[in-house]
Amino acid sequence: MADPTAEHGRHDRHDRDALRDWLLGLVAEHVQLPREDIASHVPLSDYGLDSVYALSVAAEIEDRFGIDVDPTMMWDNPTIDALVEAVTKELAQGT
C-alpha cells in the first residue's frame, strides 16, 4: 500500500516546483530576460526589481492563489527560493 505521507511530499514538491517556475517566468518577463537567465537563489534586487515590482508580484500572488500577501513578504524573502517557501507556508495556513 502506498505511503500517503510520501504522496503528500511529492505533491508539495510539485507545487513548489510549479510555483518556482511561475515566479521565474514573472521575473523574466518583468526584466525582459530569458527565463533560463533568472536564478532562483539570486536576490531579486540584483535584477533591478524595485518596490513597485514587489507590490505587483504580491498582487499577482494574491490573485493567483487567493491569499492575502503583505508586500513586505518580497523584502523579507529576497530570492525566488525564499519567496516560494513563504508562499507555500501561507498556502498551508490557508491565509
C-alpha atoms as a PDB file:
ATOM      1  CA  MET A   1       0.000   0.000   0.000  1.00  0.00           C
ATOM      2  CA  ALA A   2       1.318   3.469  -0.888  1.00  0.00           C
ATOM      3  CA  ASP A   3       2.506   5.721   1.907  1.00  0.00           C
ATOM      4  CA  PRO A   4       0.122   8.737   1.935  1.00  0.00           C
ATOM      5  CA  THR A   5       2.784  10.956   3.529  1.00  0.00           C
ATOM      6  CA  ALA A   6       5.180  10.141   0.690  1.00  0.00           C
ATOM      7  CA  GLU A   7       2.489  11.056  -1.836  1.00  0.00           C
ATOM      8  CA  HIS A   8       1.847  14.319   0.023  1.00  0.00           C
ATOM      9  CA  GLY A   9       5.596  15.072  -0.076  1.00  0.00           C
ATOM     10  CA  ARG A  10       5.686  14.543  -3.840  1.00  0.00           C
ATOM     11  CA  HIS A  11       2.615  16.776  -4.236  1.00  0.00           C
ATOM     12  CA  ASP A  12       4.229  19.535  -2.115  1.00  0.00           C
ATOM     13  CA  ARG A  13       7.437  19.309  -4.142  1.00  0.00           C
ATOM     14  CA  HIS A  14       5.440  19.522  -7.393  1.00  0.00           C
ATOM     15  CA  ASP A  15       3.530  22.537  -6.073  1.00  0.00           C
ATOM     16  CA  ARG A  16       6.767  24.241  -5.045  1.00  0.00           C
ATOM     17  CA  ASP A  17       8.328  23.491  -8.408  1.00  0.00           C
ATOM     18  CA  ALA A  18       5.277  24.874 -10.216  1.00  0.00           C
ATOM     19  CA  LEU A  19       5.293  27.998  -8.026  1.00  0.00           C
ATOM     20  CA  ARG A  20       9.048  28.480  -8.582  1.00  0.00           C
ATOM     21  CA  ASP A  21       8.590  28.096 -12.338  1.00  0.00           C
ATOM     22  CA  TRP A  22       5.722  30.617 -12.359  1.00  0.00           C
ATOM     23  CA  LEU A  23       7.720  33.152 -10.320  1.00  0.00           C
ATOM     24  CA  LEU A  24      10.771  32.698 -12.548  1.00  0.00           C
ATOM     25  CA  GLY A  25       8.558  33.465 -15.532  1.00  0.00           C
ATOM     26  CA  LEU A  26       7.150  36.606 -13.867  1.00  0.00           C
ATOM     27  CA  VAL A  27      10.605  37.940 -13.071  1.00  0.00           C
ATOM     28  CA  ALA A  28      11.949  37.092 -16.512  1.00  0.00           C
ATOM     29  CA  GLU A  29       9.044  38.895 -18.152  1.00  0.00           C
ATOM     30  CA  HIS A  30       9.497  41.972 -15.981  1.00  0.00           C
ATOM     31  CA  VAL A  31      13.252  42.273 -16.540  1.00  0.00           C
ATOM     32  CA  GLN A  32      12.946  41.188 -20.176  1.00  0.00           C
ATOM     33  CA  LEU A  33      15.427  38.346 -19.910  1.00  0.00           C
ATOM     34  CA  PRO A  34      15.043  34.725 -20.973  1.00  0.00           C
ATOM     35  CA  ARG A  35      13.586  32.649 -18.163  1.00  0.00           C
ATOM     36  CA  GLU A  36      16.686  30.444 -18.089  1.00  0.00           C
ATOM     37  CA  ASP A  37      18.803  33.522 -17.248  1.00  0.00           C
ATOM     38  CA  ILE A  38      16.951  34.006 -13.952  1.00  0.00           C
ATOM     39  CA  ALA A  39      18.385  32.095 -10.987  1.00  0.00           C
ATOM     40  CA  SER A  40      16.053  31.288  -8.114  1.00  0.00           C
ATOM     41  CA  HIS A  41      18.798  31.789  -5.498  1.00  0.00           C
ATOM     42  CA  VAL A  42      19.823  35.282  -6.660  1.00  0.00           C
ATOM     43  CA  PRO A  43      18.314  38.279  -4.823  1.00  0.00           C
ATOM     44  CA  LEU A  44      15.572  39.852  -6.901  1.00  0.00           C
ATOM     45  CA  SER A  45      17.177  43.257  -6.351  1.00  0.00           C
ATOM     46  CA  ASP A  46      20.161  42.011  -8.385  1.00  0.00           C
ATOM     47  CA  TYR A  47      17.811  42.006 -11.374  1.00  0.00           C
ATOM     48  CA  GLY A  48      16.839  45.620 -10.699  1.00  0.00           C
ATOM     49  CA  LEU A  49      13.447  44.818  -9.218  1.00  0.00           C
ATOM     50  CA  ASP A  50      12.097  47.620  -7.040  1.00  0.00           C
ATOM     51  CA  SER A  51       9.280  48.263  -4.559  1.00  0.00           C
ATOM     52  CA  VAL A  52       6.772  48.908  -7.347  1.00  0.00           C
ATOM     53  CA  TYR A  53       7.522  45.485  -8.776  1.00  0.00           C
ATOM     54  CA  ALA A  54       7.282  43.949  -5.287  1.00  0.00           C
ATOM     55  CA  LEU A  55       3.736  45.303  -4.996  1.00  0.00           C
ATOM     56  CA  SER A  56       2.918  43.919  -8.428  1.00  0.00           C
ATOM     57  CA  VAL A  57       4.204  40.434  -7.568  1.00  0.00           C
ATOM     58  CA  ALA A  58       2.351  40.457  -4.243  1.00  0.00           C
ATOM     59  CA  ALA A  59      -0.868  41.322  -6.101  1.00  0.00           C
ATOM     60  CA  GLU A  60      -0.260  38.585  -8.680  1.00  0.00           C
ATOM     61  CA  ILE A  61       0.294  36.018  -5.921  1.00  0.00           C
ATOM     62  CA  GLU A  62      -2.920  37.137  -4.206  1.00  0.00           C
ATOM     63  CA  ASP A  63      -4.885  36.884  -7.447  1.00  0.00           C
ATOM     64  CA  ARG A  64      -3.469  33.514  -8.436  1.00  0.00           C
ATOM     65  CA  PHE A  65      -3.736  31.794  -5.057  1.00  0.00           C
ATOM     66  CA  GLY A  66      -6.498  33.705  -3.267  1.00  0.00           C
ATOM     67  CA  ILE A  67      -4.377  34.554  -0.228  1.00  0.00           C
ATOM     68  CA  ASP A  68      -3.500  37.842   1.439  1.00  0.00           C
ATOM     69  CA  VAL A  69       0.125  38.760   0.871  1.00  0.00           C
ATOM     70  CA  ASP A  70       1.856  41.509   2.776  1.00  0.00           C
ATOM     71  CA  PRO A  71       4.089  43.335   0.273  1.00  0.00           C
ATOM     72  CA  THR A  72       6.937  43.144   2.794  1.00  0.00           C
ATOM     73  CA  MET A  73       6.999  39.410   2.045  1.00  0.00           C
ATOM     74  CA  MET A  74       9.059  40.321  -1.017  1.00  0.00           C
ATOM     75  CA  TRP A  75      11.698  42.110   1.062  1.00  0.00           C
ATOM     76  CA  ASP A  76      11.670  39.518   3.841  1.00  0.00           C
ATOM     77  CA  ASN A  77      12.178  36.801   1.209  1.00  0.00           C
ATOM     78  CA  PRO A  78      14.514  38.400  -1.335  1.00  0.00           C
ATOM     79  CA  THR A  79      15.044  35.404  -3.623  1.00  0.00           C
ATOM     80  CA  ILE A  80      12.596  33.292  -5.582  1.00  0.00           C
ATOM     81  CA  ASP A  81      13.560  30.258  -3.488  1.00  0.00           C
ATOM     82  CA  ALA A  82      12.783  32.122  -0.252  1.00  0.00           C
ATOM     83  CA  LEU A  83       9.571  33.506  -1.720  1.00  0.00           C
ATOM     84  CA  VAL A  84       8.450  30.008  -2.738  1.00  0.00           C
ATOM     85  CA  GLU A  85       8.899  28.845   0.858  1.00  0.00           C
ATOM     86  CA  ALA A  86       6.987  31.832   2.247  1.00  0.00           C
ATOM     87  CA  VAL A  87       4.090  31.475  -0.190  1.00  0.00           C
ATOM     88  CA  THR A  88       3.935  27.721   0.383  1.00  0.00           C
ATOM     89  CA  LYS A  89       3.731  28.357   4.131  1.00  0.00           C
ATOM     90  CA  GLU A  90       0.929  30.891   3.618  1.00  0.00           C
ATOM     91  CA  LEU A  91      -0.964  28.445   1.427  1.00  0.00           C
ATOM     92  CA  ALA A  92      -0.611  25.710   4.032  1.00  0.00           C
ATOM     93  CA  GLN A  93      -2.012  28.058   6.682  1.00  0.00           C
ATOM     94  CA  GLY A  94      -4.866  28.965   4.384  1.00  0.00           C
ATOM     95  CA  THR A  95      -4.498  32.717   4.873  1.00  0.00           C
END
